Amino acid sequence: MSKPHLVPEVTDAYVHMHETYLVPAIYAQWAHWLVDLAKIELGHDMLDVCCGTGVLARAAKLEAGPSGQVTGLDPSEKMLESARRNSEGIDWKQGEVDALPFENNQFDRVMCQFSLMFIPCRIATIKEMLRVCKPDGRVVLAVWAPMNHSKAYCALIDLIKRHAGLRTAWKVSSPWSLGTPGTMDALLLTTGVNEYHCHERVGQARFPSMKSFIDTHLQLVGELENMDADVYQGLLSAADTELHQFLLPNGQLVAKLDANIFILSCD
């Protein structure tokens, strides 16, 4: 039996949190690194699967230029509304990731940035990404490395476990579900992928404050609004001590955050 996984509920608050905090704190830096690893060139057609608010697609458009077609697909219209407000020259489509509404061999690059862990039908999704990629193209999958690479995130999960319980801690830790050594290898082999390369990259998350670090990750999994006020205050009080080592003099919180980037051959 496969392990359970979290599928976040995309609300207006979720979209706001995603674009206001997660994109500048985490995703923006990785988008440019992924585009570099994918070797996107002028004139390339690129598909961003589970594009969210579009940070990866926007970075890809800078490299593909006006002669390249960049498309962002997401199941959530709320995410796409935000993406459309913040971009020009990108085609945004609503659709299901396990039944991509595109022709075979349509794109030079097909990419998914830190969303695969939230997708229920992972094998079908990877197969679809391979189907729509040109024979000489590349499929790029980014997932987080093991959480034990980051002392700050381990401390956050421990705090949440002690103050809010195991269920909430499991939900907050779910983005790292594909980081366990061998998990992605087993998934790719099950999908029928035999040729791929994994690039390990070191990064960081930078939040404007300790509170925004905590609130963002609770909001991401739908627990912020539902948390008991006393539990929440207890969590913040304990964090003042246990997360203090990760604060900069200006109050920003910086957490080490590494990733594994898988490049799949479409030959």
C-alpha atoms as a PDB file:
ATOM      1  CA  MET A   1       0.000   0.000   0.000  1.00  0.00           C
ATOM      2  CA  SER A   2       1.357   3.446  -0.930  1.00  0.00           C
ATOM      3  CA  LYS A   3       1.961   6.039   1.757  1.00  0.00           C
ATOM      4  CA  PRO A   4      -0.746   8.697   2.207  1.00  0.00           C
ATOM      5  CA  HIS A   5       0.051  12.109   0.846  1.00  0.00           C
ATOM      6  CA  LEU A   6      -1.356  15.585   1.203  1.00  0.00           C
ATOM      7  CA  VAL A   7      -3.293  17.423  -1.489  1.00  0.00           C
ATOM      8  CA  PRO A   8      -3.579  21.076  -0.344  1.00  0.00           C
ATOM      9  CA  GLU A   9      -6.902  22.871  -0.632  1.00  0.00           C
ATOM     10  CA  VAL A  10      -6.379  25.897  -2.867  1.00  0.00           C
ATOM     11  CA  THR A  11      -8.233  28.784  -1.262  1.00  0.00           C
ATOM     12  CA  ASP A  12      -7.828  32.539  -1.765  1.00  0.00           C
ATOM     13  CA  ALA A  13      -5.715  32.629   1.415  1.00  0.00           C
ATOM     14  CA  TYR A  14      -3.541  29.803   0.071  1.00  0.00           C
ATOM     15  CA  VAL A  15      -2.918  31.628  -3.219  1.00  0.00           C
ATOM     16  CA  HIS A  16      -2.074  34.862  -1.386  1.00  0.00           C
ATOM     17  CA  MET A  17       0.359  33.036   0.907  1.00  0.00           C
ATOM     18  CA  HIS A  18       1.920  31.239  -2.039  1.00  0.00           C
ATOM     19  CA  GLU A  19       2.639  34.379  -4.065  1.00  0.00           C
ATOM     20  CA  THR A  20       3.426  36.689  -1.135  1.00  0.00           C
ATOM     21  CA  TYR A  21       5.714  34.414   0.880  1.00  0.00           C
ATOM     22  CA  LEU A  22       6.615  31.108  -0.803  1.00  0.00           C
ATOM     23  CA  VAL A  23       7.581  32.560  -4.186  1.00  0.00           C
ATOM     24  CA  PRO A  24      10.043  35.199  -2.916  1.00  0.00           C
ATOM     25  CA  ALA A  25      11.244  33.074   0.008  1.00  0.00           C
ATOM     26  CA  ILE A  26      11.796  29.824  -1.898  1.00  0.00           C
ATOM     27  CA  TYR A  27      10.500  29.253  -5.407  1.00  0.00           C
ATOM     28  CA  ALA A  28      11.929  32.248  -7.286  1.00  0.00           C
ATOM     29  CA  GLN A  29      15.555  31.242  -6.754  1.00  0.00           C
ATOM     30  CA  TRP A  30      14.885  27.636  -7.738  1.00  0.00           C
ATOM     31  CA  ALA A  31      12.998  28.601 -10.889  1.00  0.00           C
ATOM     32  CA  HIS A  32      16.102  30.169 -12.402  1.00  0.00           C
ATOM     33  CA  TRP A  33      18.291  27.230 -11.372  1.00  0.00           C
ATOM     34  CA  LEU A  34      15.845  24.743 -12.910  1.00  0.00           C
ATOM     35  CA  VAL A  35      15.676  26.698 -16.145  1.00  0.00           C
ATOM     36  CA  ASP A  36      19.469  26.641 -16.284  1.00  0.00           C
ATOM     37  CA  LEU A  37      19.621  22.874 -15.701  1.00  0.00           C
ATOM     38  CA  ALA A  38      16.910  22.305 -18.306  1.00  0.00           C
ATOM     39  CA  LYS A  39      19.016  24.218 -20.851  1.00  0.00           C
ATOM     40  CA  ILE A  40      16.054  26.144 -22.206  1.00  0.00           C
ATOM     41  CA  GLU A  41      17.057  28.008 -25.347  1.00  0.00           C
ATOM     42  CA  LEU A  42      15.630  30.730 -27.547  1.00  0.00           C
ATOM     43  CA  GLY A  43      12.637  29.361 -29.444  1.00  0.00           C
ATOM     44  CA  HIS A  44      11.995  26.388 -27.175  1.00  0.00           C
ATOM     45  CA  ASP A  45       8.435  25.376 -26.354  1.00  0.00           C
ATOM     46  CA  MET A  46       8.125  24.654 -22.632  1.00  0.00           C
ATOM     47  CA  LEU A  47       5.366  23.246 -20.424  1.00  0.00           C
ATOM     48  CA  ASP A  48       5.196  23.954 -16.682  1.00  0.00           C
ATOM     49  CA  VAL A  49       3.075  21.218 -15.054  1.00  0.00           C
ATOM     50  CA  CYS A  50       1.294  22.244 -11.840  1.00  0.00           C
ATOM     51  CA  CYS A  51       2.507  25.764 -12.522  1.00  0.00           C
ATOM     52  CA  GLY A  52       0.824  27.370  -9.512  1.00  0.00           C
ATOM     53  CA  THR A  53       1.142  31.146  -9.738  1.00  0.00           C
ATOM     54  CA  GLY A  54       3.656  30.804 -12.562  1.00  0.00           C
ATOM     55  CA  VAL A  55       7.126  31.580 -11.209  1.00  0.00           C
ATOM     56  CA  LEU A  56       8.851  28.785 -13.177  1.00  0.00           C
ATOM     57  CA  ALA A  57       7.003  29.600 -16.404  1.00  0.00           C
ATOM     58  CA  ARG A  58       7.989  33.252 -16.094  1.00  0.00           C
ATOM     59  CA  ALA A  59      11.658  32.315 -15.661  1.00  0.00           C
ATOM     60  CA  ALA A  60      11.454  29.979 -18.655  1.00  0.00           C
ATOM     61  CA  LYS A  61       9.915  32.698 -20.825  1.00  0.00           C
ATOM     62  CA  LEU A  62      12.973  34.882 -20.289  1.00  0.00           C
ATOM     63  CA  GLU A  63      15.101  32.190 -21.945  1.00  0.00           C
ATOM     64  CA  ALA A  64      12.656  30.961 -24.602  1.00  0.00           C
ATOM     65  CA  GLY A  65      12.048  34.500 -25.808  1.00  0.00           C
ATOM     66  CA  PRO A  66       9.254  35.739 -28.074  1.00  0.00           C
ATOM     67  CA  SER A  67       9.786  32.874 -30.538  1.00  0.00           C
ATOM     68  CA  GLY A  68       9.280  30.225 -27.849  1.00  0.00           C
ATOM     69  CA  GLN A  69       5.878  29.210 -26.506  1.00  0.00           C
ATOM     70  CA  VAL A  70       5.689  28.789 -22.737  1.00  0.00           C
ATOM     71  CA  THR A  71       2.579  27.125 -21.305  1.00  0.00           C
ATOM     72  CA  GLY A  72       1.582  26.801 -17.675  1.00  0.00           C
ATOM     73  CA  LEU A  73      -0.972  24.164 -16.649  1.00  0.00           C
ATOM     74  CA  ASP A  74      -2.603  23.844 -13.250  1.00  0.00           C
ATOM     75  CA  PRO A  75      -5.758  22.162 -11.921  1.00  0.00           C
ATOM     76  CA  SER A  76      -6.633  25.284  -9.924  1.00  0.00           C
ATOM     77  CA  GLU A  77      -8.245  28.269 -11.622  1.00  0.00           C
ATOM     78  CA  LYS A  78      -7.465  30.356  -8.522  1.00  0.00           C
ATOM     79  CA  MET A  79      -3.742  29.760  -9.059  1.00  0.00           C
ATOM     80  CA  LEU A  80      -4.050  30.570 -12.751  1.00  0.00           C
ATOM     81  CA  GLU A  81      -5.875  33.842 -12.049  1.00  0.00           C
ATOM     82  CA  SER A  82      -2.855  34.976 -10.040  1.00  0.00           C
ATOM     83  CA  ALA A  83      -0.484  33.756 -12.759  1.00  0.00           C
ATOM     84  CA  ARG A  84      -2.314  35.744 -15.446  1.00  0.00           C
ATOM     85  CA  ARG A  85      -2.127  38.931 -13.376  1.00  0.00           C
ATOM     86  CA  ASN A  86       1.654  38.663 -13.120  1.00  0.00           C
ATOM     87  CA  SER A  87       2.728  37.767 -16.647  1.00  0.00           C
ATOM     88  CA  GLU A  88       2.505  38.438 -20.351  1.00  0.00           C
ATOM     89  CA  GLY A  89       3.142  36.196 -23.322  1.00  0.00           C
ATOM     90  CA  ILE A  90       2.487  32.922 -21.470  1.00  0.00           C
ATOM     91  CA  ASP A  91      -0.402  30.567 -22.224  1.00  0.00           C
ATOM     92  CA  TRP A  92      -2.168  29.525 -19.011  1.00  0.00           C
ATOM     93  CA  LYS A  93      -4.417  26.462 -19.095  1.00  0.00           C
ATOM     94  CA  GLN A  94      -6.555  24.712 -16.507  1.00  0.00           C
ATOM     95  CA  GLY A  95      -6.346  20.950 -16.717  1.00  0.00           C
ATOM     96  CA  GLU A  96      -5.563  17.668 -15.019  1.00  0.00           C
ATOM     97  CA  VAL A  97      -1.932  16.641 -14.773  1.00  0.00           C
ATOM     98  CA  ASP A  98      -2.621  12.945 -15.409  1.00  0.00           C
ATOM     99  CA  ALA A  99      -4.421  13.714 -18.706  1.00  0.00           C
ATOM    100  CA  LEU A 100      -2.512  16.615 -20.245  1.00  0.00           C
ATOM    101  CA  PRO A 101      -4.559  18.342 -22.980  1.00  0.00           C
ATOM    102  CA  PHE A 102      -1.671  18.402 -25.468  1.00  0.00           C
ATOM    103  CA  GLU A 103      -0.435  16.456 -28.481  1.00  0.00           C
ATOM    104  CA  ASN A 104       2.320  13.865 -28.389  1.00  0.00           C
ATOM    105  CA  ASN A 105       5.847  15.266 -28.750  1.00  0.00           C
ATOM    106  CA  GLN A 106       4.664  18.893 -28.443  1.00  0.00           C
ATOM    107  CA  PHE A 107       7.226  20.466 -26.079  1.00  0.00           C
ATOM    108  CA  ASP A 108      11.005  20.773 -25.973  1.00  0.00           C
ATOM    109  CA  ARG A 109      10.971  20.927 -22.183  1.00  0.00           C
ATOM    110  CA  VAL A 110       8.366  19.662 -19.711  1.00  0.00           C
ATOM    111  CA  MET A 111       8.941  20.650 -16.083  1.00  0.00           C
ATOM    112  CA  CYS A 112       7.418  20.313 -12.626  1.00  0.00           C
ATOM    113  CA  GLN A 113       8.801  22.362  -9.735  1.00  0.00           C
ATOM    114  CA  PHE A 114       8.105  21.065  -6.202  1.00  0.00           C
ATOM    115  CA  SER A 115       4.569  19.876  -6.934  1.00  0.00           C
ATOM    116  CA  LEU A 116       4.986  16.145  -7.608  1.00  0.00           C
ATOM    117  CA  MET A 117       4.716  15.336  -3.889  1.00  0.00           C
ATOM    118  CA  PHE A 118       1.178  16.789  -3.841  1.00  0.00           C
ATOM    119  CA  ILE A 119      -0.039  14.892  -6.918  1.00  0.00           C
ATOM    120  CA  PRO A 120      -2.058  11.716  -6.178  1.00  0.00           C
ATOM    121  CA  CYS A 121      -1.456  10.118  -9.601  1.00  0.00           C
ATOM    122  CA  ARG A 122       2.313  10.496  -9.812  1.00  0.00           C
ATOM    123  CA  ILE A 123       3.037   7.638 -12.191  1.00  0.00           C
ATOM    124  CA  ALA A 124       0.347   8.709 -14.652  1.00  0.00           C
ATOM    125  CA  THR A 125       1.567  12.309 -14.439  1.00  0.00           C
ATOM    126  CA  ILE A 126       5.179  11.420 -15.245  1.00  0.00           C
ATOM    127  CA  LYS A 127       4.023   9.247 -18.150  1.00  0.00           C
ATOM    128  CA  GLU A 128       1.978  12.149 -19.493  1.00  0.00           C
ATOM    129  CA  MET A 129       4.942  14.507 -19.181  1.00  0.00           C
ATOM    130  CA  LEU A 130       7.058  12.075 -21.183  1.00  0.00           C
ATOM    131  CA  ARG A 131       4.305  11.687 -23.790  1.00  0.00           C
ATOM    132  CA  VAL A 132       4.067  15.389 -24.590  1.00  0.00           C
ATOM    133  CA  CYS A 133       7.845  15.892 -24.625  1.00  0.00           C
ATOM    134  CA  LYS A 134       9.699  15.762 -27.940  1.00  0.00           C
ATOM    135  CA  PRO A 135      12.019  12.761 -28.501  1.00  0.00           C
ATOM    136  CA  ASP A 136      15.120  14.911 -28.073  1.00  0.00           C
ATOM    137  CA  GLY A 137      13.627  16.951 -25.218  1.00  0.00           C
ATOM    138  CA  ARG A 138      13.926  16.890 -21.444  1.00  0.00           C
ATOM    139  CA  VAL A 139      11.544  16.270 -18.567  1.00  0.00           C
ATOM    140  CA  VAL A 140      12.649  17.996 -15.364  1.00  0.00           C
ATOM    141  CA  LEU A 141      11.291  17.103 -11.918  1.00  0.00           C
ATOM    142  CA  ALA A 142      12.284  19.016  -8.778  1.00  0.00           C
ATOM    143  CA  VAL A 143      11.643  17.578  -5.298  1.00  0.00           C
ATOM    144  CA  TRP A 144      13.017  18.497  -1.901  1.00  0.00           C
ATOM    145  CA  ALA A 145      16.011  16.617  -0.535  1.00  0.00           C
ATOM    146  CA  PRO A 146      15.654  14.810   2.832  1.00  0.00           C
ATOM    147  CA  MET A 147      14.437  17.119   5.555  1.00  0.00           C
ATOM    148  CA  ASN A 148      17.364  16.196   7.812  1.00  0.00           C
ATOM    149  CA  HIS A 149      19.481  18.418   5.546  1.00  0.00           C
ATOM    150  CA  SER A 150      17.808  21.401   7.238  1.00  0.00           C
ATOM    151  CA  LYS A 151      18.122  22.019  10.982  1.00  0.00           C
ATOM    152  CA  ALA A 152      15.576  24.832  10.821  1.00  0.00           C
ATOM    153  CA  TYR A 153      12.867  22.702   9.233  1.00  0.00           C
ATOM    154  CA  CYS A 154      13.582  19.788  11.591  1.00  0.00           C
ATOM    155  CA  ALA A 155      13.185  22.218  14.495  1.00  0.00           C
ATOM    156  CA  LEU A 156       9.915  23.539  13.049  1.00  0.00           C
ATOM    157  CA  ILE A 157       8.441  20.045  12.669  1.00  0.00           C
ATOM    158  CA  ASP A 158       9.510  19.117  16.200  1.00  0.00           C
ATOM    159  CA  LEU A 159       7.858  22.263  17.565  1.00  0.00           C
ATOM    160  CA  ILE A 160       4.635  21.565  15.710  1.00  0.00           C
ATOM    161  CA  LYS A 161       4.619  17.928  16.795  1.00  0.00           C
ATOM    162  CA  ARG A 162       4.934  18.885  20.485  1.00  0.00           C
ATOM    163  CA  HIS A 163       2.444  21.744  20.422  1.00  0.00           C
ATOM    164  CA  ALA A 164      -0.088  20.866  17.686  1.00  0.00           C
ATOM    165  CA  GLY A 165       0.180  17.093  17.415  1.00  0.00           C
ATOM    166  CA  LEU A 166       1.421  14.393  15.067  1.00  0.00           C
ATOM    167  CA  ARG A 167      -1.229  14.933  12.392  1.00  0.00           C
ATOM    168  CA  THR A 168      -0.375  18.594  11.894  1.00  0.00           C
ATOM    169  CA  ALA A 169       3.349  17.821  11.969  1.00  0.00           C
ATOM    170  CA  TRP A 170       2.868  15.136   9.311  1.00  0.00           C
ATOM    171  CA  LYS A 171       0.972  17.570   7.095  1.00  0.00           C
ATOM    172  CA  VAL A 172       3.648  20.262   7.400  1.00  0.00           C
ATOM    173  CA  SER A 173       6.385  17.707   6.621  1.00  0.00           C
ATOM    174  CA  SER A 174       4.561  16.344   3.543  1.00  0.00           C
ATOM    175  CA  PRO A 175       6.520  18.446   0.985  1.00  0.00           C
ATOM    176  CA  TRP A 176       9.564  16.288   1.818  1.00  0.00           C
ATOM    177  CA  SER A 177       7.755  12.989   1.183  1.00  0.00           C
ATOM    178  CA  LEU A 178       9.745  12.267  -1.988  1.00  0.00           C
ATOM    179  CA  GLY A 179      13.085  13.180  -0.435  1.00  0.00           C
ATOM    180  CA  THR A 180      13.732   9.849   1.271  1.00  0.00           C
ATOM    181  CA  PRO A 181      16.677   8.156  -0.495  1.00  0.00           C
ATOM    182  CA  GLY A 182      15.442   5.720  -3.117  1.00  0.00           C
ATOM    183  CA  THR A 183      11.850   6.994  -3.212  1.00  0.00           C
ATOM    184  CA  MET A 184      12.169   8.906  -6.485  1.00  0.00           C
ATOM    185  CA  ASP A 185      14.278   6.136  -8.013  1.00  0.00           C
ATOM    186  CA  ALA A 186      11.559   3.595  -7.252  1.00  0.00           C
ATOM    187  CA  LEU A 187       8.885   5.929  -8.636  1.00  0.00           C
ATOM    188  CA  LEU A 188      10.762   6.514 -11.887  1.00  0.00           C
ATOM    189  CA  LEU A 189      11.538   2.818 -12.365  1.00  0.00           C
ATOM    190  CA  THR A 190       7.869   1.974 -11.748  1.00  0.00           C
ATOM    191  CA  THR A 191       6.957   4.567 -14.378  1.00  0.00           C
ATOM    192  CA  GLY A 192       9.277   2.830 -16.846  1.00  0.00           C
ATOM    193  CA  VAL A 193      12.009   5.482 -16.811  1.00  0.00           C
ATOM    194  CA  ASN A 194      15.439   3.861 -17.021  1.00  0.00           C
ATOM    195  CA  GLU A 195      17.625   6.789 -18.042  1.00  0.00           C
ATOM    196  CA  TYR A 196      17.813   9.837 -15.814  1.00  0.00           C
ATOM    197  CA  HIS A 197      20.250  11.980 -13.866  1.00  0.00           C
ATOM    198  CA  CYS A 198      19.827  13.470 -10.400  1.00  0.00           C
ATOM    199  CA  HIS A 199      21.407  16.819  -9.600  1.00  0.00           C
ATOM    200  CA  GLU A 200      21.696  17.685  -5.909  1.00  0.00           C
ATOM    201  CA  ARG A 201      21.495  21.397  -5.234  1.00  0.00           C
ATOM    202  CA  VAL A 202      21.961  23.403  -2.032  1.00  0.00           C
ATOM    203  CA  GLY A 203      19.554  26.275  -1.411  1.00  0.00           C
ATOM    204  CA  GLN A 204      17.842  28.227   1.305  1.00  0.00           C
ATOM    205  CA  ALA A 205      14.507  29.647   2.329  1.00  0.00           C
ATOM    206  CA  ARG A 206      14.482  33.267   3.481  1.00  0.00           C
ATOM    207  CA  PHE A 207      11.384  34.563   5.281  1.00  0.00           C
ATOM    208  CA  PRO A 208      10.851  38.149   6.499  1.00  0.00           C
ATOM    209  CA  SER A 209      10.280  36.956  10.083  1.00  0.00           C
ATOM    210  CA  MET A 210      10.040  33.892  12.302  1.00  0.00           C
ATOM    211  CA  LYS A 211       6.265  34.296  12.475  1.00  0.00           C
ATOM    212  CA  SER A 212       5.913  34.385   8.678  1.00  0.00           C
ATOM    213  CA  PHE A 213       8.013  31.200   8.481  1.00  0.00           C
ATOM    214  CA  ILE A 214       5.658  29.403  10.869  1.00  0.00           C
ATOM    215  CA  ASP A 215       2.414  30.880   9.528  1.00  0.00           C
ATOM    216  CA  THR A 216       3.264  30.148   5.897  1.00  0.00           C
ATOM    217  CA  HIS A 217       3.843  26.456   6.490  1.00  0.00           C
ATOM    218  CA  LEU A 218       0.733  26.100   8.625  1.00  0.00           C
ATOM    219  CA  GLN A 219      -1.307  27.940   5.964  1.00  0.00           C
ATOM    220  CA  LEU A 220       0.158  25.728   3.246  1.00  0.00           C
ATOM    221  CA  VAL A 221      -1.497  22.669   4.783  1.00  0.00           C
ATOM    222  CA  GLY A 222      -4.702  24.392   5.929  1.00  0.00           C
ATOM    223  CA  GLU A 223      -3.941  24.385   9.660  1.00  0.00           C
ATOM    224  CA  LEU A 224      -3.380  28.065  10.481  1.00  0.00           C
ATOM    225  CA  GLU A 225      -7.018  29.186  10.723  1.00  0.00           C
ATOM    226  CA  ASN A 226      -8.107  26.002  12.518  1.00  0.00           C
ATOM    227  CA  MET A 227      -5.445  26.007  15.221  1.00  0.00           C
ATOM    228  CA  ASP A 228      -6.530  26.649  18.804  1.00  0.00           C
ATOM    229  CA  ALA A 229      -5.399  30.113  19.935  1.00  0.00           C
ATOM    230  CA  ASP A 230      -3.623  28.804  23.057  1.00  0.00           C
ATOM    231  CA  VAL A 231      -1.848  26.119  21.042  1.00  0.00           C
ATOM    232  CA  TYR A 232      -0.744  28.712  18.502  1.00  0.00           C
ATOM    233  CA  GLN A 233       0.575  31.107  21.143  1.00  0.00           C
ATOM    234  CA  GLY A 234       2.410  28.266  22.853  1.00  0.00           C
ATOM    235  CA  LEU A 235       4.012  27.360  19.546  1.00  0.00           C
ATOM    236  CA  LEU A 236       5.132  30.947  18.923  1.00  0.00           C
ATOM    237  CA  SER A 237       6.508  31.305  22.440  1.00  0.00           C
ATOM    238  CA  ALA A 238       8.584  28.133  22.137  1.00  0.00           C
ATOM    239  CA  ALA A 239       9.774  29.207  18.690  1.00  0.00           C
ATOM    240  CA  ASP A 240      11.271  32.386  20.149  1.00  0.00           C
ATOM    241  CA  THR A 241      13.858  30.165  21.811  1.00  0.00           C
ATOM    242  CA  GLU A 242      14.164  27.182  19.507  1.00  0.00           C
ATOM    243  CA  LEU A 243      14.235  29.002  16.168  1.00  0.00           C
ATOM    244  CA  HIS A 244      16.245  31.995  17.347  1.00  0.00           C
ATOM    245  CA  GLN A 245      19.508  30.540  15.996  1.00  0.00           C
ATOM    246  CA  PHE A 246      18.163  30.828  12.445  1.00  0.00           C
ATOM    247  CA  LEU A 247      17.406  34.555  12.669  1.00  0.00           C
ATOM    248  CA  LEU A 248      19.497  37.268  11.069  1.00  0.00           C
ATOM    249  CA  PRO A 249      20.105  40.600  12.855  1.00  0.00           C
ATOM    250  CA  ASN A 250      17.369  42.180  10.705  1.00  0.00           C
ATOM    251  CA  GLY A 251      14.809  39.626  11.923  1.00  0.00           C
ATOM    252  CA  GLN A 252      14.699  37.508   8.769  1.00  0.00           C
ATOM    253  CA  LEU A 253      14.677  33.745   9.206  1.00  0.00           C
ATOM    254  CA  VAL A 254      16.981  31.738   6.929  1.00  0.00           C
ATOM    255  CA  ALA A 255      16.626  27.964   6.612  1.00  0.00           C
ATOM    256  CA  LYS A 256      18.818  25.620   4.591  1.00  0.00           C
ATOM    257  CA  LEU A 257      16.661  23.975   1.936  1.00  0.00           C
ATOM    258  CA  ASP A 258      18.200  21.510  -0.515  1.00  0.00           C
ATOM    259  CA  ALA A 259      16.636  19.870  -3.550  1.00  0.00           C
ATOM    260  CA  ASN A 260      17.091  16.974  -5.934  1.00  0.00           C
ATOM    261  CA  ILE A 261      16.536  17.784  -9.606  1.00  0.00           C
ATOM    262  CA  PHE A 262      15.815  14.819 -11.867  1.00  0.00           C
ATOM    263  CA  ILE A 263      16.487  15.150 -15.595  1.00  0.00           C
ATOM    264  CA  LEU A 264      14.705  12.497 -17.663  1.00  0.00           C
ATOM    265  CA  SER A 265      15.774  11.685 -21.177  1.00  0.00           C
ATOM    266  CA  CYS A 266      13.022  11.577 -23.795  1.00  0.00           C
ATOM    267  CA  ASP A 267      15.069   9.762 -26.467  1.00  0.00           C
END
